[in-house]
Structure formats: C-alpha cells, structure tokens
Amino acid sequence: MKTLNWLLTGALAFAIFSACSNPPPPETDPAPKAKKSAIRVQEGMSKEDSLAAAERARLEAERLAAEKLEADRARLEEMINRLMSDDVYFEFDRFELTEKAKELLAQVGDMLKAEERFVVTVEGHTDARGTEDYNMTLGGKRAMKVKEFLVAYGISSDRMETVSYGKEKPKVEGASEDAYSQNRRANFRVKIK
C-alpha cells in the first residue's frame, strides 16, 4: 500500500508540475478582433466620408459662387441697359438742363455711386438744323453739362468722358419737330473697369 501511496503521490505531483509548467492557452474572444477590424474599417470610412464631405462642400461653394456671379452679372447688365436707355433731352438750341433732366441725372448718379466699376462716356447730340461746326460745339456743351451735374452729384470726373456727335448720329430720322426733339439729347455708353 505504501507503494500505491507513493505512486499516487508521484502522479499527483507530476500532474501539478505539468499544470504549472504549461499554462492553458488564453481564451480568444472573437469580439475584440472583430471590434479592431470594425474600428479600422470605420476609420477608413471616416476618412473617405470626410473626403467626400469636403468635396461636396467644395462643389456647393463653387455652385453658390457661380450663382452669385450670375446674379451680379445680371444686375450689372440691367443697370447698364438702363443707363444706356436713359437719354437726357434738351430744348432747341440750348444746353441747360431741364428739371426733368436733373431728376433723371440724379437717378443716374445713384446708379454710378452704387456701382463704382462703371466708366461712362457722355455723348452729346443735336438735331439736324444748323451747321456741322455749330452742332458739334452744341453737342459738346450738352455732354459737358451732364458731366458737370454728375461731378457735382459726387461722381468722380475720372470715371466720365465726353464726346460730341453733333447731328451725325440721330436717334430718329426725319425733319419733324418730334424727330428733332428726340435727337437733341445726351446719352450714355458704359464700360466696366
């Protein structure tokens, strides 16, 4: 029996030593690996998502800038068309501004103040009566009177020039008083600097 006890004791000791020398393999939880993999995928997606979001933001900013540019262009075109369609009319053989002409020029001055990029040429015209030299001089005086009013209104003279066409460029053809009255005018040509 002693031998059996020794054998059992030896076997028990061997089992204890064996258990201590070979620790069991650690339990592997598939969840942490999956979590790490999901985090890596998520990080990759967030980089892709942030790049896509940045691209969307850039495209939206470009679209808004294009819309603003188009609205500004349309506003400028409307102002230019209005300026170029506004004629200042004069009495026969006169270059003084009428009250109606002053009201119109105040509106023109407001537009020029609102848009400082406009450079204006004031063109002076006359009707067909009178000599060519006389009409060129009268057309020049009409254009200068308009420019002087606008300068007094606060528009820089550097933004305006004058030219006289005399009777060379009638607005309306004909020898009636109606045609003559529409040709005695100053009108505007507009450029954007």
C-alpha atoms as a PDB file:
ATOM      1  CA  MET A   1       0.000   0.000   0.000  1.00  0.00           C
ATOM      2  CA  LYS A   2       2.883   2.225   0.619  1.00  0.00           C
ATOM      3  CA  THR A   3       3.868   1.779  -2.910  1.00  0.00           C
ATOM      4  CA  LEU A   4       0.443   2.697  -4.077  1.00  0.00           C
ATOM      5  CA  ASN A   5       0.503   5.857  -1.991  1.00  0.00           C
ATOM      6  CA  TRP A   6       3.852   6.725  -3.407  1.00  0.00           C
ATOM      7  CA  LEU A   7       2.635   6.155  -6.870  1.00  0.00           C
ATOM      8  CA  LEU A   8      -0.453   8.234  -6.318  1.00  0.00           C
ATOM      9  CA  THR A   9       1.545  10.986  -4.680  1.00  0.00           C
ATOM     10  CA  GLY A  10       4.027  10.920  -7.509  1.00  0.00           C
ATOM     11  CA  ALA A  11       1.281  11.035 -10.114  1.00  0.00           C
ATOM     12  CA  LEU A  12      -0.385  13.872  -8.288  1.00  0.00           C
ATOM     13  CA  ALA A  13       2.887  15.796  -8.055  1.00  0.00           C
ATOM     14  CA  PHE A  14       3.570  15.162 -11.718  1.00  0.00           C
ATOM     15  CA  ALA A  15       0.128  16.451 -12.643  1.00  0.00           C
ATOM     16  CA  ILE A  16       0.619  19.588 -10.537  1.00  0.00           C
ATOM     17  CA  PHE A  17       4.016  20.302 -12.026  1.00  0.00           C
ATOM     18  CA  SER A  18       2.734  19.654 -15.518  1.00  0.00           C
ATOM     19  CA  ALA A  19      -0.159  22.013 -14.996  1.00  0.00           C
ATOM     20  CA  CYS A  20       2.128  24.787 -13.745  1.00  0.00           C
ATOM     21  CA  SER A  21       4.691  24.465 -16.485  1.00  0.00           C
ATOM     22  CA  ASN A  22       2.207  24.635 -19.384  1.00  0.00           C
ATOM     23  CA  PRO A  23      -0.257  27.405 -18.762  1.00  0.00           C
ATOM     24  CA  PRO A  24      -3.507  26.959 -20.625  1.00  0.00           C
ATOM     25  CA  PRO A  25      -3.833  28.870 -23.842  1.00  0.00           C
ATOM     26  CA  PRO A  26      -5.625  32.184 -23.331  1.00  0.00           C
ATOM     27  CA  GLU A  27      -9.216  32.250 -24.336  1.00  0.00           C
ATOM     28  CA  THR A  28      -9.655  34.004 -27.594  1.00  0.00           C
ATOM     29  CA  ASP A  29     -12.702  36.149 -27.805  1.00  0.00           C
ATOM     30  CA  PRO A  30     -13.511  36.805 -31.449  1.00  0.00           C
ATOM     31  CA  ALA A  31     -15.291  40.013 -30.452  1.00  0.00           C
ATOM     32  CA  PRO A  32     -12.129  42.108 -29.753  1.00  0.00           C
ATOM     33  CA  LYS A  33     -10.639  41.137 -33.145  1.00  0.00           C
ATOM     34  CA  ALA A  34     -13.890  41.978 -34.833  1.00  0.00           C
ATOM     35  CA  LYS A  35     -14.032  45.273 -32.906  1.00  0.00           C
ATOM     36  CA  LYS A  36     -10.499  46.186 -34.009  1.00  0.00           C
ATOM     37  CA  SER A  37     -11.342  45.282 -37.578  1.00  0.00           C
ATOM     38  CA  ALA A  38     -14.572  47.318 -37.413  1.00  0.00           C
ATOM     39  CA  ILE A  39     -12.653  50.284 -35.984  1.00  0.00           C
ATOM     40  CA  ARG A  40     -10.143  50.078 -38.838  1.00  0.00           C
ATOM     41  CA  VAL A  41     -12.953  49.888 -41.410  1.00  0.00           C
ATOM     42  CA  GLN A  42     -14.755  52.736 -39.652  1.00  0.00           C
ATOM     43  CA  GLU A  43     -11.563  54.838 -39.628  1.00  0.00           C
ATOM     44  CA  GLY A  44     -11.116  54.162 -43.336  1.00  0.00           C
ATOM     45  CA  MET A  45     -14.733  55.045 -43.974  1.00  0.00           C
ATOM     46  CA  SER A  46     -14.485  58.202 -41.928  1.00  0.00           C
ATOM     47  CA  LYS A  47     -11.508  59.332 -43.957  1.00  0.00           C
ATOM     48  CA  GLU A  48     -13.423  58.524 -47.133  1.00  0.00           C
ATOM     49  CA  ASP A  49     -16.538  60.160 -45.708  1.00  0.00           C
ATOM     50  CA  SER A  50     -14.643  63.274 -44.698  1.00  0.00           C
ATOM     51  CA  LEU A  51     -13.029  63.467 -48.150  1.00  0.00           C
ATOM     52  CA  ALA A  52     -16.438  63.069 -49.772  1.00  0.00           C
ATOM     53  CA  ALA A  53     -17.919  65.687 -47.426  1.00  0.00           C
ATOM     54  CA  ALA A  54     -15.070  68.087 -48.235  1.00  0.00           C
ATOM     55  CA  GLU A  55     -15.650  67.530 -51.963  1.00  0.00           C
ATOM     56  CA  ARG A  56     -19.404  68.112 -51.539  1.00  0.00           C
ATOM     57  CA  ALA A  57     -18.686  71.309 -49.588  1.00  0.00           C
ATOM     58  CA  ARG A  58     -16.252  72.492 -52.278  1.00  0.00           C
ATOM     59  CA  LEU A  59     -18.779  71.813 -55.029  1.00  0.00           C
ATOM     60  CA  GLU A  60     -21.524  73.578 -53.077  1.00  0.00           C
ATOM     61  CA  ALA A  61     -19.251  76.605 -52.519  1.00  0.00           C
ATOM     62  CA  GLU A  62     -18.463  76.695 -56.256  1.00  0.00           C
ATOM     63  CA  ARG A  63     -22.178  76.465 -57.101  1.00  0.00           C
ATOM     64  CA  LEU A  64     -23.030  79.304 -54.714  1.00  0.00           C
ATOM     65  CA  ALA A  65     -20.181  81.427 -56.095  1.00  0.00           C
ATOM     66  CA  ALA A  66     -21.387  80.790 -59.650  1.00  0.00           C
ATOM     67  CA  GLU A  67     -24.944  81.745 -58.683  1.00  0.00           C
ATOM     68  CA  LYS A  68     -23.692  84.926 -57.009  1.00  0.00           C
ATOM     69  CA  LEU A  69     -21.562  85.772 -60.040  1.00  0.00           C
ATOM     70  CA  GLU A  70     -24.509  85.213 -62.377  1.00  0.00           C
ATOM     71  CA  ALA A  71     -26.796  87.357 -60.204  1.00  0.00           C
ATOM     72  CA  ASP A  72     -24.140  90.105 -60.125  1.00  0.00           C
ATOM     73  CA  ARG A  73     -23.709  89.879 -63.893  1.00  0.00           C
ATOM     74  CA  ALA A  74     -27.477  90.106 -64.425  1.00  0.00           C
ATOM     75  CA  ARG A  75     -27.694  93.092 -62.054  1.00  0.00           C
ATOM     76  CA  LEU A  76     -24.852  94.878 -63.865  1.00  0.00           C
ATOM     77  CA  GLU A  77     -26.368  94.148 -67.256  1.00  0.00           C
ATOM     78  CA  GLU A  78     -29.727  95.526 -66.124  1.00  0.00           C
ATOM     79  CA  MET A  79     -28.053  98.678 -64.766  1.00  0.00           C
ATOM     80  CA  ILE A  80     -26.020  99.187 -67.939  1.00  0.00           C
ATOM     81  CA  ASN A  81     -29.086  98.716 -70.132  1.00  0.00           C
ATOM     82  CA  ARG A  82     -30.998 101.204 -68.020  1.00  0.00           C
ATOM     83  CA  LEU A  83     -28.183 103.757 -68.141  1.00  0.00           C
ATOM     84  CA  MET A  84     -27.791 103.379 -71.867  1.00  0.00           C
ATOM     85  CA  SER A  85     -31.521 103.733 -72.480  1.00  0.00           C
ATOM     86  CA  ASP A  86     -31.835 106.897 -70.363  1.00  0.00           C
ATOM     87  CA  ASP A  87     -31.471 109.942 -72.565  1.00  0.00           C
ATOM     88  CA  VAL A  88     -31.230 113.500 -71.281  1.00  0.00           C
ATOM     89  CA  TYR A  89     -33.240 115.789 -73.568  1.00  0.00           C
ATOM     90  CA  PHE A  90     -32.587 119.459 -74.289  1.00  0.00           C
ATOM     91  CA  GLU A  91     -34.589 122.370 -75.627  1.00  0.00           C
ATOM     92  CA  PHE A  92     -33.884 123.699 -79.104  1.00  0.00           C
ATOM     93  CA  ASP A  93     -30.501 125.429 -79.349  1.00  0.00           C
ATOM     94  CA  ARG A  94     -29.890 125.037 -75.568  1.00  0.00           C
ATOM     95  CA  PHE A  95     -27.522 123.085 -73.352  1.00  0.00           C
ATOM     96  CA  GLU A  96     -29.045 123.941 -69.952  1.00  0.00           C
ATOM     97  CA  LEU A  97     -30.529 121.042 -68.007  1.00  0.00           C
ATOM     98  CA  THR A  98     -34.295 120.966 -67.520  1.00  0.00           C
ATOM     99  CA  GLU A  99     -35.824 119.898 -64.190  1.00  0.00           C
ATOM    100  CA  LYS A 100     -36.798 116.565 -65.757  1.00  0.00           C
ATOM    101  CA  ALA A 101     -33.191 116.096 -66.921  1.00  0.00           C
ATOM    102  CA  LYS A 102     -31.901 116.814 -63.400  1.00  0.00           C
ATOM    103  CA  GLU A 103     -34.261 114.210 -61.916  1.00  0.00           C
ATOM    104  CA  LEU A 104     -33.044 111.632 -64.413  1.00  0.00           C
ATOM    105  CA  LEU A 105     -29.390 112.524 -63.776  1.00  0.00           C
ATOM    106  CA  ALA A 106     -29.913 112.113 -60.020  1.00  0.00           C
ATOM    107  CA  GLN A 107     -31.034 108.538 -60.717  1.00  0.00           C
ATOM    108  CA  VAL A 108     -28.027 108.023 -62.989  1.00  0.00           C
ATOM    109  CA  GLY A 109     -25.780 109.426 -60.252  1.00  0.00           C
ATOM    110  CA  ASP A 110     -27.258 106.991 -57.722  1.00  0.00           C
ATOM    111  CA  MET A 111     -26.537 104.073 -60.055  1.00  0.00           C
ATOM    112  CA  LEU A 112     -22.981 105.264 -60.621  1.00  0.00           C
ATOM    113  CA  LYS A 113     -22.470 105.604 -56.861  1.00  0.00           C
ATOM    114  CA  ALA A 114     -23.847 102.095 -56.348  1.00  0.00           C
ATOM    115  CA  GLU A 115     -21.533 100.608 -58.959  1.00  0.00           C
ATOM    116  CA  GLU A 116     -18.095 102.182 -58.895  1.00  0.00           C
ATOM    117  CA  ARG A 117     -16.783  99.890 -61.635  1.00  0.00           C
ATOM    118  CA  PHE A 118     -18.771 101.798 -64.271  1.00  0.00           C
ATOM    119  CA  VAL A 119     -16.921 104.211 -66.534  1.00  0.00           C
ATOM    120  CA  VAL A 120     -19.239 106.394 -68.592  1.00  0.00           C
ATOM    121  CA  THR A 121     -18.945 108.194 -71.899  1.00  0.00           C
ATOM    122  CA  VAL A 122     -21.470 111.017 -72.179  1.00  0.00           C
ATOM    123  CA  GLU A 123     -22.401 111.521 -75.825  1.00  0.00           C
ATOM    124  CA  GLY A 124     -23.829 114.873 -76.899  1.00  0.00           C
ATOM    125  CA  HIS A 125     -26.194 115.116 -79.890  1.00  0.00           C
ATOM    126  CA  THR A 126     -28.164 117.772 -81.751  1.00  0.00           C
ATOM    127  CA  ASP A 127     -30.958 117.826 -84.274  1.00  0.00           C
ATOM    128  CA  ALA A 128     -30.254 118.281 -87.980  1.00  0.00           C
ATOM    129  CA  ARG A 129     -30.681 122.056 -88.076  1.00  0.00           C
ATOM    130  CA  GLY A 130     -27.595 124.274 -88.042  1.00  0.00           C
ATOM    131  CA  THR A 131     -24.086 123.938 -89.393  1.00  0.00           C
ATOM    132  CA  GLU A 132     -21.884 120.983 -88.683  1.00  0.00           C
ATOM    133  CA  ASP A 133     -19.399 123.048 -86.597  1.00  0.00           C
ATOM    134  CA  TYR A 134     -22.157 124.714 -84.606  1.00  0.00           C
ATOM    135  CA  ASN A 135     -23.807 121.354 -83.833  1.00  0.00           C
ATOM    136  CA  MET A 136     -20.514 119.721 -82.820  1.00  0.00           C
ATOM    137  CA  THR A 137     -19.926 122.569 -80.358  1.00  0.00           C
ATOM    138  CA  LEU A 138     -23.506 122.409 -79.037  1.00  0.00           C
ATOM    139  CA  GLY A 139     -23.320 118.605 -78.644  1.00  0.00           C
ATOM    140  CA  GLY A 140     -20.064 119.021 -76.678  1.00  0.00           C
ATOM    141  CA  LYS A 141     -21.657 121.610 -74.381  1.00  0.00           C
ATOM    142  CA  ARG A 142     -24.605 119.290 -73.718  1.00  0.00           C
ATOM    143  CA  ALA A 143     -22.299 116.406 -72.846  1.00  0.00           C
ATOM    144  CA  MET A 144     -20.204 118.664 -70.579  1.00  0.00           C
ATOM    145  CA  LYS A 145     -23.320 119.946 -68.777  1.00  0.00           C
ATOM    146  CA  VAL A 146     -24.330 116.359 -67.976  1.00  0.00           C
ATOM    147  CA  LYS A 147     -20.817 115.547 -66.758  1.00  0.00           C
ATOM    148  CA  GLU A 148     -20.703 118.693 -64.596  1.00  0.00           C
ATOM    149  CA  PHE A 149     -24.015 117.761 -62.974  1.00  0.00           C
ATOM    150  CA  LEU A 150     -22.780 114.246 -62.179  1.00  0.00           C
ATOM    151  CA  VAL A 151     -19.481 115.564 -60.790  1.00  0.00           C
ATOM    152  CA  ALA A 152     -21.459 117.947 -58.538  1.00  0.00           C
ATOM    153  CA  TYR A 153     -23.586 114.926 -57.548  1.00  0.00           C
ATOM    154  CA  GLY A 154     -20.445 113.163 -56.291  1.00  0.00           C
ATOM    155  CA  ILE A 155     -19.235 111.102 -59.233  1.00  0.00           C
ATOM    156  CA  SER A 156     -15.510 111.302 -59.939  1.00  0.00           C
ATOM    157  CA  SER A 157     -14.699 113.081 -63.202  1.00  0.00           C
ATOM    158  CA  ASP A 158     -12.099 110.343 -63.809  1.00  0.00           C
ATOM    159  CA  ARG A 159     -14.979 107.937 -64.435  1.00  0.00           C
ATOM    160  CA  MET A 160     -16.509 110.069 -67.188  1.00  0.00           C
ATOM    161  CA  GLU A 161     -15.522 111.374 -70.570  1.00  0.00           C
ATOM    162  CA  THR A 162     -17.490 113.370 -73.085  1.00  0.00           C
ATOM    163  CA  VAL A 163     -17.824 113.252 -76.839  1.00  0.00           C
ATOM    164  CA  SER A 164     -19.925 115.232 -79.306  1.00  0.00           C
ATOM    165  CA  TYR A 165     -21.530 113.714 -82.356  1.00  0.00           C
ATOM    166  CA  GLY A 166     -23.462 116.832 -83.300  1.00  0.00           C
ATOM    167  CA  LYS A 167     -26.051 115.799 -85.861  1.00  0.00           C
ATOM    168  CA  GLU A 168     -24.070 112.740 -87.088  1.00  0.00           C
ATOM    169  CA  LYS A 169     -25.973 110.059 -85.123  1.00  0.00           C
ATOM    170  CA  PRO A 170     -29.667 110.887 -84.985  1.00  0.00           C
ATOM    171  CA  LYS A 171     -31.851 108.748 -82.763  1.00  0.00           C
ATOM    172  CA  VAL A 172     -34.829 109.315 -85.072  1.00  0.00           C
ATOM    173  CA  GLU A 173     -34.691 110.069 -88.790  1.00  0.00           C
ATOM    174  CA  GLY A 174     -36.903 112.839 -90.123  1.00  0.00           C
ATOM    175  CA  ALA A 175     -37.398 116.590 -90.321  1.00  0.00           C
ATOM    176  CA  SER A 176     -40.372 116.917 -87.961  1.00  0.00           C
ATOM    177  CA  GLU A 177     -40.348 118.615 -84.561  1.00  0.00           C
ATOM    178  CA  ASP A 178     -40.955 115.192 -82.968  1.00  0.00           C
ATOM    179  CA  ALA A 179     -37.806 113.801 -84.629  1.00  0.00           C
ATOM    180  CA  TYR A 180     -35.808 116.921 -83.778  1.00  0.00           C
ATOM    181  CA  SER A 181     -36.837 116.790 -80.102  1.00  0.00           C
ATOM    182  CA  GLN A 182     -35.660 113.183 -79.748  1.00  0.00           C
ATOM    183  CA  ASN A 183     -32.309 113.964 -81.364  1.00  0.00           C
ATOM    184  CA  ARG A 184     -31.467 116.883 -79.014  1.00  0.00           C
ATOM    185  CA  ARG A 185     -30.022 114.709 -76.302  1.00  0.00           C
ATOM    186  CA  ALA A 186     -27.138 113.362 -74.325  1.00  0.00           C
ATOM    187  CA  ASN A 187     -26.885 109.632 -73.771  1.00  0.00           C
ATOM    188  CA  PHE A 188     -24.516 107.250 -72.023  1.00  0.00           C
ATOM    189  CA  ARG A 189     -22.148 104.465 -73.029  1.00  0.00           C
ATOM    190  CA  VAL A 190     -20.978 102.331 -70.141  1.00  0.00           C
ATOM    191  CA  LYS A 191     -17.862 100.222 -69.676  1.00  0.00           C
ATOM    192  CA  ILE A 192     -16.840  98.219 -66.639  1.00  0.00           C
ATOM    193  CA  LYS A 193     -13.309  98.806 -65.391  1.00  0.00           C
END
